[in-house]
Structure formats: structure tokens, C-alpha cells
Protein backbone atom coordinates (compact mmCIF):
# COMPACT_ATOMS: atom_id res chain seq x y z
CA MET A 1 17.85 -23.53 -4.81
CA SER A 2 19.69 -22.67 -7.83
CA THR A 3 23.56 -23.64 -7.42
CA ASP A 4 24.52 -20.05 -8.78
CA MET A 5 22.15 -18.39 -6.99
CA ASN A 6 24.06 -16.01 -4.20
CA MET A 7 22.95 -12.76 -2.01
CA SER A 8 24.85 -10.56 -4.82
CA ASP A 9 22.11 -11.87 -7.30
CA LEU A 10 19.43 -11.75 -5.03
CA LEU A 11 20.48 -7.92 -4.30
CA GLN A 12 20.79 -7.04 -7.67
CA ALA A 13 17.12 -7.92 -8.62
CA THR A 14 15.86 -5.98 -5.40
CA VAL A 15 17.61 -3.15 -7.19
CA ASP A 16 16.63 -3.98 -10.98
CA GLU A 17 13.15 -4.34 -9.74
CA GLY A 18 13.00 -1.03 -7.89
CA ALA A 19 11.69 -3.14 -5.01
CA SER A 20 11.59 -1.84 -1.03
CA ASP A 21 12.12 -5.37 0.22
CA LEU A 22 13.56 -8.19 -0.28
CA HIS A 23 12.28 -11.64 1.84
CA ILE A 24 14.11 -14.47 2.34
CA ARG A 25 12.23 -17.36 4.22
CA VAL A 26 12.21 -21.31 4.32
CA GLY A 27 9.46 -22.65 2.06
CA VAL A 28 9.10 -19.87 -0.37
CA PRO A 29 11.35 -18.74 -3.01
CA PRO A 30 12.90 -15.46 -2.67
CA MET A 31 10.19 -12.93 -2.47
CA LEU A 32 10.12 -9.17 -3.35
CA ARG A 33 8.30 -6.33 -2.09
CA ILE A 34 6.96 -3.97 -5.77
CA HIS A 35 4.94 -1.00 -4.86
CA GLY A 36 3.67 -2.71 -1.59
CA SER A 37 3.13 -6.18 -2.58
CA LEU A 38 5.28 -9.16 -2.23
CA THR A 39 6.28 -11.11 -5.59
CA PRO A 40 7.82 -14.13 -5.81
CA LEU A 41 11.22 -14.61 -7.59
CA ASP A 42 11.74 -16.97 -10.67
CA SER A 43 13.64 -19.43 -8.72
CA PRO A 44 13.30 -22.50 -6.68
CA VAL A 45 11.69 -22.76 -3.01
CA LEU A 46 14.47 -21.93 -0.34
CA ALA A 47 15.39 -25.31 2.06
CA PRO A 48 16.57 -24.08 5.50
CA VAL A 49 20.25 -24.90 4.18
CA ASP A 50 19.96 -21.87 1.58
CA THR A 51 18.47 -19.49 4.17
CA GLU A 52 21.72 -20.22 6.90
CA ALA A 53 23.94 -20.01 3.71
CA LEU A 54 22.52 -16.61 2.49
CA ALA A 55 22.59 -15.35 6.00
CA ARG A 56 26.01 -16.32 7.24
CA SER A 57 27.16 -14.90 3.69
CA ILE A 58 26.20 -11.38 4.64
CA THR A 59 26.37 -11.69 8.63
CA ALA A 60 29.67 -10.83 10.70
CA GLU A 61 30.64 -12.84 13.29
CA ASP A 62 29.74 -10.57 16.19
CA LYS A 63 26.26 -10.08 14.62
CA TRP A 64 25.76 -13.96 14.31
CA GLN A 65 26.65 -14.27 17.87
CA GLU A 66 23.63 -11.82 18.66
CA ILE A 67 21.16 -13.67 16.56
CA GLU A 68 22.32 -17.22 18.32
CA LYS A 69 21.95 -15.42 21.68
CA CYS A 70 19.03 -13.12 20.95
CA GLY A 71 17.36 -14.66 18.25
CA GLY A 72 17.92 -11.83 15.80
CA ALA A 73 20.42 -8.98 14.70
CA ASP A 74 19.75 -5.68 12.45
CA PHE A 75 22.42 -4.20 10.65
CA GLY A 76 23.40 -2.01 7.54
CA LEU A 77 25.04 -4.13 4.16
CA PRO A 78 26.11 -1.73 1.49
CA PHE A 79 25.64 -3.19 -2.29
CA GLY A 80 28.47 -1.82 -4.13
CA ASP A 81 27.34 1.64 -5.42
CA LEU A 82 24.10 0.52 -6.68
CA ALA A 83 22.58 0.67 -2.90
CA ARG A 84 22.52 0.25 0.83
CA PHE A 85 20.10 -2.33 2.77
CA ARG A 86 18.62 -2.36 6.17
CA VAL A 87 18.97 -6.13 7.29
CA SER A 88 17.12 -7.97 9.54
CA VAL A 89 18.10 -11.52 10.23
CA PHE A 90 16.33 -13.82 12.77
CA LYS A 91 15.14 -17.18 13.65
CA GLU A 92 11.67 -18.72 13.47
CA ARG A 93 10.65 -22.17 14.01
CA GLY A 94 14.23 -22.92 14.20
CA HIS A 95 15.70 -21.58 10.74
CA TYR A 96 16.74 -18.60 9.61
CA GLY A 97 14.91 -15.67 7.66
CA ILE A 98 16.16 -12.31 6.55
CA VAL A 99 14.27 -9.26 5.21
CA LEU A 100 16.42 -6.89 3.63
CA ARG A 101 14.89 -2.96 3.11
CA GLN A 102 16.33 -0.81 0.25
CA ILE A 103 17.81 2.32 1.33
CA PRO A 104 17.23 4.84 -1.83
CA SER A 105 20.78 5.75 -2.95
CA LYS A 106 19.27 9.37 -3.96
CA LEU A 107 17.73 11.48 -1.67
CA LEU A 108 14.23 13.30 -2.56
CA THR A 109 13.54 16.68 -2.62
CA LEU A 110 10.60 17.99 0.18
CA GLU A 111 8.75 18.55 -3.23
CA GLN A 112 9.38 15.21 -4.50
CA ILE A 113 8.26 14.09 -1.15
CA GLY A 114 5.09 15.94 -1.35
CA LEU A 115 6.05 18.22 1.65
CA PRO A 116 4.98 21.90 1.35
CA GLU A 117 7.53 24.68 1.31
CA GLN A 118 6.75 25.39 4.75
CA VAL A 119 8.33 22.85 6.13
CA LYS A 120 11.52 23.91 4.94
CA GLU A 121 11.69 26.91 6.88
CA LEU A 122 11.32 24.36 10.19
CA LEU A 123 14.67 23.28 9.49
CA PHE A 124 16.41 26.70 9.89
CA LYS A 125 14.83 26.70 13.70
CA PRO A 126 17.30 27.47 16.15
CA ARG A 127 16.01 24.46 18.91
CA GLY A 128 13.12 22.56 19.15
CA LEU A 129 11.58 18.89 18.71
CA ILE A 130 10.27 17.99 15.00
CA LEU A 131 8.78 14.35 15.05
CA VAL A 132 8.02 12.15 12.05
CA THR A 133 5.46 9.60 12.46
CA GLY A 134 3.69 6.83 10.96
CA PRO A 135 3.69 3.27 10.85
CA THR A 136 6.73 1.06 9.73
CA GLY A 137 7.59 1.50 6.24
CA SER A 138 5.85 4.76 5.74
CA GLY A 139 8.89 6.48 4.54
CA LYS A 140 9.85 8.37 7.90
CA THR A 141 13.64 7.33 7.39
CA THR A 142 13.99 9.15 3.97
CA THR A 143 11.87 12.02 4.86
CA LEU A 144 14.24 12.80 7.75
CA ALA A 145 17.46 12.13 5.73
CA SER A 146 15.92 14.50 3.10
CA MET A 147 15.64 17.03 6.00
CA LEU A 148 18.97 16.48 7.14
CA ASP A 149 20.74 16.64 3.70
CA ILE A 150 18.80 20.45 3.30
CA ILE A 151 20.35 21.28 6.49
CA ASN A 152 23.82 19.81 5.23
CA ARG A 153 23.56 21.55 2.40
CA GLU A 154 22.53 24.95 3.54
CA ARG A 155 23.65 25.57 7.07
CA ASP A 156 27.04 25.53 8.51
CA VAL A 157 26.27 23.43 11.59
CA HIS A 158 27.22 20.30 13.37
CA ILE A 159 24.73 17.38 12.97
CA ILE A 160 25.12 14.40 15.34
CA THR A 161 22.74 11.29 13.92
CA VAL A 162 22.14 8.38 16.38
CA GLU A 163 20.49 5.09 14.37
CA ASP A 164 20.15 1.55 14.62
CA PRO A 165 21.36 0.73 12.27
CA ILE A 166 22.88 3.89 10.04
CA GLU A 167 20.99 4.22 6.98
CA TYR A 168 21.85 7.02 5.09
CA TYR A 169 25.42 7.88 4.92
CA HIS A 170 25.52 12.19 4.76
CA PRO A 171 28.94 13.18 3.69
CA HIS A 172 30.33 16.44 5.01
CA ARG A 173 28.83 19.50 2.93
CA LYS A 174 28.10 23.15 4.39
CA SER A 175 28.38 21.09 8.41
CA VAL A 176 29.90 18.50 10.00
CA VAL A 177 28.29 15.37 10.44
CA THR A 178 28.59 12.93 12.92
CA GLN A 179 26.50 9.62 12.73
CA ARG A 180 26.42 6.86 15.51
CA GLU A 181 25.64 3.57 15.30
CA ILE A 182 23.80 1.92 18.25
CA GLY A 183 25.74 -0.97 19.49
CA HIS A 184 28.53 -0.36 17.01
CA ASP A 185 29.68 3.29 18.23
CA VAL A 186 27.33 3.99 21.53
CA PRO A 187 25.01 1.21 23.59
CA THR A 188 22.06 2.89 23.76
CA PHE A 189 20.07 5.97 22.04
CA ALA A 190 19.83 7.77 25.51
CA GLU A 191 23.47 7.28 26.26
CA ALA A 192 24.15 8.91 22.76
CA ILE A 193 21.92 11.55 23.31
CA ARG A 194 23.67 12.28 26.80
CA ARG A 195 27.02 12.06 25.19
CA ALA A 196 26.03 14.48 22.12
CA LEU A 197 25.19 17.32 24.29
CA ARG A 198 28.92 17.46 25.02
CA GLN A 199 29.79 17.13 21.37
CA ASP A 200 28.70 20.72 20.54
CA PRO A 201 25.83 19.81 18.31
CA ASP A 202 23.17 22.41 16.54
CA VAL A 203 21.06 19.49 15.03
CA ILE A 204 20.56 15.78 16.57
CA LEU A 205 18.70 13.21 14.68
CA VAL A 206 17.82 10.54 16.94
CA GLY A 207 16.39 7.37 14.92
CA GLU A 208 13.61 6.09 17.30
CA MET A 209 12.10 7.16 20.48
CA ARG A 210 11.57 3.90 21.37
CA ASP A 211 11.90 4.28 25.57
CA LEU A 212 11.22 6.66 28.29
CA GLU A 213 14.91 7.17 28.93
CA THR A 214 15.29 8.20 24.96
CA MET A 215 11.95 10.03 25.32
CA GLN A 216 13.41 12.29 28.39
CA ALA A 217 16.65 12.90 26.58
CA ALA A 218 15.42 13.70 23.42
CA ILE A 219 13.28 16.24 25.40
CA THR A 220 16.13 17.38 27.53
CA ALA A 221 18.23 18.18 24.38
CA ALA A 222 15.41 20.50 22.44
CA GLU A 223 14.77 22.28 25.82
CA THR A 224 18.49 23.32 25.71
CA GLY A 225 18.98 24.84 22.53
CA HIS A 226 19.58 21.86 19.85
CA LEU A 227 17.18 21.06 16.90
CA VAL A 228 16.19 17.62 17.60
CA PHE A 229 14.55 15.37 14.94
CA ALA A 230 13.32 12.00 15.93
CA THR A 231 10.68 9.15 15.07
CA LEU A 232 7.48 7.53 16.71
CA HIS A 233 5.23 4.93 15.61
CA THR A 234 2.25 6.87 15.59
CA THR A 235 -0.05 8.39 13.18
CA GLY A 236 -1.48 11.94 13.67
CA ALA A 237 -0.07 14.91 15.94
CA ALA A 238 -2.85 14.48 18.78
CA ALA A 239 -1.72 10.44 19.29
CA THR A 240 1.59 11.45 18.98
CA VAL A 241 1.34 14.07 21.70
CA ASP A 242 -0.80 11.56 24.17
CA ARG A 243 1.96 8.94 23.32
CA ILE A 244 4.89 10.91 24.60
CA VAL A 245 2.86 11.67 27.57
CA ASP A 246 1.55 8.62 28.57
CA ALA A 247 4.70 7.23 28.20
CA PHE A 248 5.71 8.64 31.37
CA PRO A 249 4.77 7.86 35.23
CA THR A 250 1.59 9.74 36.12
CA ASP A 251 3.62 12.63 38.45
CA GLN A 252 5.56 13.30 35.63
CA GLN A 253 3.00 14.22 33.00
CA GLU A 254 1.95 17.43 33.44
CA GLN A 255 5.50 18.78 33.72
CA VAL A 256 6.04 16.80 30.53
CA ARG A 257 3.15 18.16 28.85
CA THR A 258 4.43 21.62 29.25
CA GLN A 259 7.98 20.61 28.28
CA LEU A 260 6.21 19.69 24.67
CA ALA A 261 4.13 23.10 24.59
CA VAL A 262 7.57 24.94 24.70
CA GLY A 263 9.70 22.40 22.81
CA LEU A 264 7.60 20.90 20.12
CA VAL A 265 8.13 22.88 17.01
CA ALA A 266 6.01 20.34 14.54
CA VAL A 267 4.72 16.81 13.72
CA ILE A 268 4.83 15.28 10.36
CA SER A 269 2.59 12.21 10.25
CA GLN A 270 2.92 10.19 6.71
CA LEU A 271 1.25 6.81 5.24
CA LEU A 272 2.58 5.24 2.38
CA LEU A 273 -0.43 4.19 -0.07
CA ALA A 274 -0.45 2.44 -3.22
CA ARG A 275 -1.27 4.47 -6.19
CA VAL A 276 -4.45 3.40 -8.48
CA ASP A 277 -3.27 5.68 -11.53
CA LYS A 278 -0.01 4.54 -12.36
CA PRO A 279 2.66 1.79 -10.81
CA GLY A 280 4.13 3.34 -7.28
CA ARG A 281 3.00 4.81 -4.03
CA VAL A 282 2.37 8.27 -2.81
CA ALA A 283 2.73 9.75 0.85
CA ALA A 284 -0.33 11.07 2.56
CA PHE A 285 0.76 13.53 5.19
CA GLU A 286 -0.68 15.33 8.47
CA ILE A 287 1.40 18.51 9.57
CA MET A 288 1.03 20.22 12.92
CA ILE A 289 2.91 23.34 12.97
CA SER A 290 3.01 24.80 16.84
CA THR A 291 1.29 27.83 17.46
CA PRO A 292 0.20 29.39 20.61
CA SER A 293 -3.16 27.77 20.21
CA ILE A 294 -1.69 24.37 19.84
CA ARG A 295 0.78 24.99 22.69
CA SER A 296 -2.00 26.04 24.90
CA ARG A 297 -3.88 22.62 24.02
CA ILE A 298 -0.80 20.40 24.89
CA ARG A 299 -0.42 22.51 28.29
CA ASP A 300 -4.11 22.15 28.89
CA ASN A 301 -4.31 18.45 28.28
CA LYS A 302 -6.86 19.23 25.29
CA THR A 303 -5.00 17.03 22.23
CA PHE A 304 -8.34 16.02 21.24
CA GLN A 305 -9.01 19.79 20.24
CA ILE A 306 -5.53 19.85 17.82
CA ALA A 307 -7.72 18.38 15.09
CA SER A 308 -9.37 21.49 14.29
CA ASP A 309 -6.21 23.64 15.05
CA ILE A 310 -4.54 21.92 11.93
CA GLN A 311 -7.71 22.29 9.74
CA THR A 312 -8.12 26.25 10.02
CA GLY A 313 -3.88 26.31 10.14
CA ALA A 314 -2.95 25.94 6.60
CA LYS A 315 -1.60 29.41 6.20
CA TYR A 316 1.17 28.11 8.64
CA GLY A 317 1.51 25.40 6.44
CA MET A 318 -0.77 22.68 8.43
CA ILE A 319 -2.38 19.62 6.54
CA ALA A 320 -5.29 17.81 7.74
CA LEU A 321 -4.84 13.95 6.86
CA ASP A 322 -8.45 13.67 5.89
CA SER A 323 -8.01 16.48 3.63
CA HIS A 324 -4.92 15.09 2.38
CA LEU A 325 -6.23 12.05 1.35
CA MET A 326 -9.49 13.52 0.03
CA GLU A 327 -7.07 15.70 -2.19
CA LEU A 328 -5.12 12.56 -3.38
CA HIS A 329 -8.44 10.81 -3.96
CA LEU A 330 -10.10 13.30 -6.37
CA GLY A 331 -6.99 13.60 -8.13
CA GLY A 332 -7.31 10.06 -8.92
CA MET A 333 -4.09 8.96 -7.02
CA ILE A 334 -5.74 6.72 -4.51
CA SER A 335 -8.54 4.34 -3.97
CA TYR A 336 -11.67 4.65 -2.18
CA ASP A 337 -10.65 1.76 0.03
CA ASP A 338 -7.96 3.44 0.95
CA LEU A 339 -9.27 6.89 1.54
CA VAL A 340 -11.73 5.68 4.04
CA THR A 341 -9.89 2.99 5.70
CA LYS A 342 -6.76 5.47 6.14
CA SER A 343 -8.95 8.51 7.30
CA GLN A 344 -9.18 9.51 11.24
CA ASP A 345 -12.98 10.26 10.95
CA PRO A 346 -14.20 8.25 8.20
CA ASP A 347 -18.22 9.03 8.47
CA THR A 348 -17.31 13.10 8.23
CA LEU A 349 -14.91 12.21 5.17
CA VAL A 350 -17.53 10.33 3.04
CA GLN A 351 -20.17 13.15 3.82
CA LYS A 352 -17.61 15.62 2.30
CA LEU A 353 -16.47 13.66 -0.76
CA LYS A 354 -20.25 12.95 -1.19
CA ASP A 355 -20.75 16.97 -1.03
CA GLU A 356 -17.82 17.61 -2.99
CA LEU A 357 -18.86 15.38 -5.95
CA GLN A 358 -22.37 16.99 -5.94
CA ALA A 359 -20.92 20.25 -5.95
CA ARG A 360 -18.94 19.28 -9.15
CA ARG A 361 -22.19 17.93 -10.99
């Protein structure tokens, strides 16, 4: 590695190139993820001594002990006024590796994200559970931060966020914002939610519903008169409901279905896809907004029928993922490959595309 290269130079390059992630690994030069693809920086291959020095330069002593004990640690890292990074330092094959995810400093509007106007109405609900779902790196955190920013600017409420680590800092605006970090301020998500209920919250953000205890706490918080936002690594509303129900023991599943039928306000599923018309990525959404029909499908364990409600629910602001993918493809924004591989029912979608193209001739 060049003698004068340090983490500050690498972070500056990440910001300058508009990269989403910086990868530091033994045996390759530092790599930037730009518009979804990894690109090496024009610098020498990193040796074990380099990656360890870079890791140590940004890691606090307590986190370093965690890496040595558990094999890895996650934390937030500010980079002056330019950006914040979510950092994962880990051991692999006896060496140290780092991945830094850039957290955009400027929050997007719902329109810039691509969400319909009706989604904004959900942010003014007095209670209930709103889930933002999708694979890792699909922009869930950004969507949630933008939603909280709207609440913060337009409602006079108490917002509590529970995150691991804190990614976006929300200043107090019209609302008061309490942000708690797992490992620093409170040991677990479930504990943080339980404590939150004693702190006069109106809105609670749960960074991730990663275990049964956290799911239970979030559902209870939504039931007891709070608006709760959370994320899950699922795609599609039906799969999200099933994933939550299946996490519970069999003898509790019926009760959880009833709780979700009452408490679930919306599921917003998103994917980030490479654009073909210009550099960058575009989000594809499925949006389910709870209606009496959807509530009864959840209660009666007929989640497979939710898709048809979403297809006919445009007037409520619902969007079917496959319809949105088709719209993006016909608009020249995403490739045919992405249209087919990301869709929930590829055969039907391909037929619809043929019919649409035929009708346009």
C-alpha cells in the first residue's frame, strides 16, 4: 500500500465517487461499490499489515476487544461534515477485513425515493405497525429515515429510534427525537422497546426485527397505541406476514395472526436495481396497505390471497411488485433480465409484457 494512503483518503474517494460501499480486504486493492458494481481503486494490493492498520485507525478499544472475542463488530463512523458510514470490521482467514457503507447525509423526499403520495398519509396514523422490507442493501434504512424526517418536521410527537448502529442522526425539529444504540445505550432491541414504552413515545423505530423477542415487543408496542416502524429481510407482503407468524411457536401463531390483522398498517417491500438508461439505481416497490379484506386474509391464514388484493388496491395506494417492475422496464429504466429475475410470477409477467408490446404495435 502506498505509504501515504490512510482511511481518510479512502473515505474521501468513497464520497467523491458517490460509492455506496468501501471494501478493504487482504490481497486486493481497496474496492468501491458504484451503482451496484465493485470497482478497484487505482492503488496497490493490500497486505495483512495494511488492513489491520486501517481497521485499528477507526476502531475504538471496546469494539476492538469485541472483534477479538466475537470475530467482528459494527459501529457508526462520522467523516467530518461530508458523510457518515456504517462500519463492519471482521476477521477472515486470520486477517482483518472492513466494509464501510456510506449513509447519505441528505435525506430524500418520498417522491425522490419513488413512493406514492398515499404513503405519506400512513405517517400520520396514531398507532399500528409499518414494515419496510427487502434484501440487504435495498435502501430500507434510507426510506425509513426519510419517513421519520417527515414526522419530525410535521408532527409534534416523541420519536424513539432503536438501531444497531445509529445511521442517520435526526435533530429535534417539531418532534423530540431520542436515538438509542444497541450495545452503547441499551443491550438488546427487545429491552429497548420495553423501556421505550415507559418513555412516553408516540413513534418507535426498530432498526431490525431480528428475533422472536423483538417481534413480540414491536407487535405489543403497536397494539398499545404507538406507531411502530421496523424492517425485515423479506420480499413481498405475504412473505413478510408468514415470516413473522412462522417465527412464533405453533400454539401462539393464531394469536399473532389476530394481532397482525389488527395492528399491521402497511408493508412496503423494496428492491434496488441497476438502471440501464443512465448511471445509478432505481427502487422497485410493492406496497400493501391494510384493508378489511387484507385483515381477514391475515386472520384466516390466507396470505397467499393478499397478492390479488394488492393488484386491485391502487385506489388505496397499493402497488404490486410485478406491475412496478413492468412499468420500470417499459419506461426503459431496468433490463429485461432484472424484470424477470426479480418478479414474483415471471411466467405471467412475461406474458403480460408480450401482450402490452403487441397492443402498442
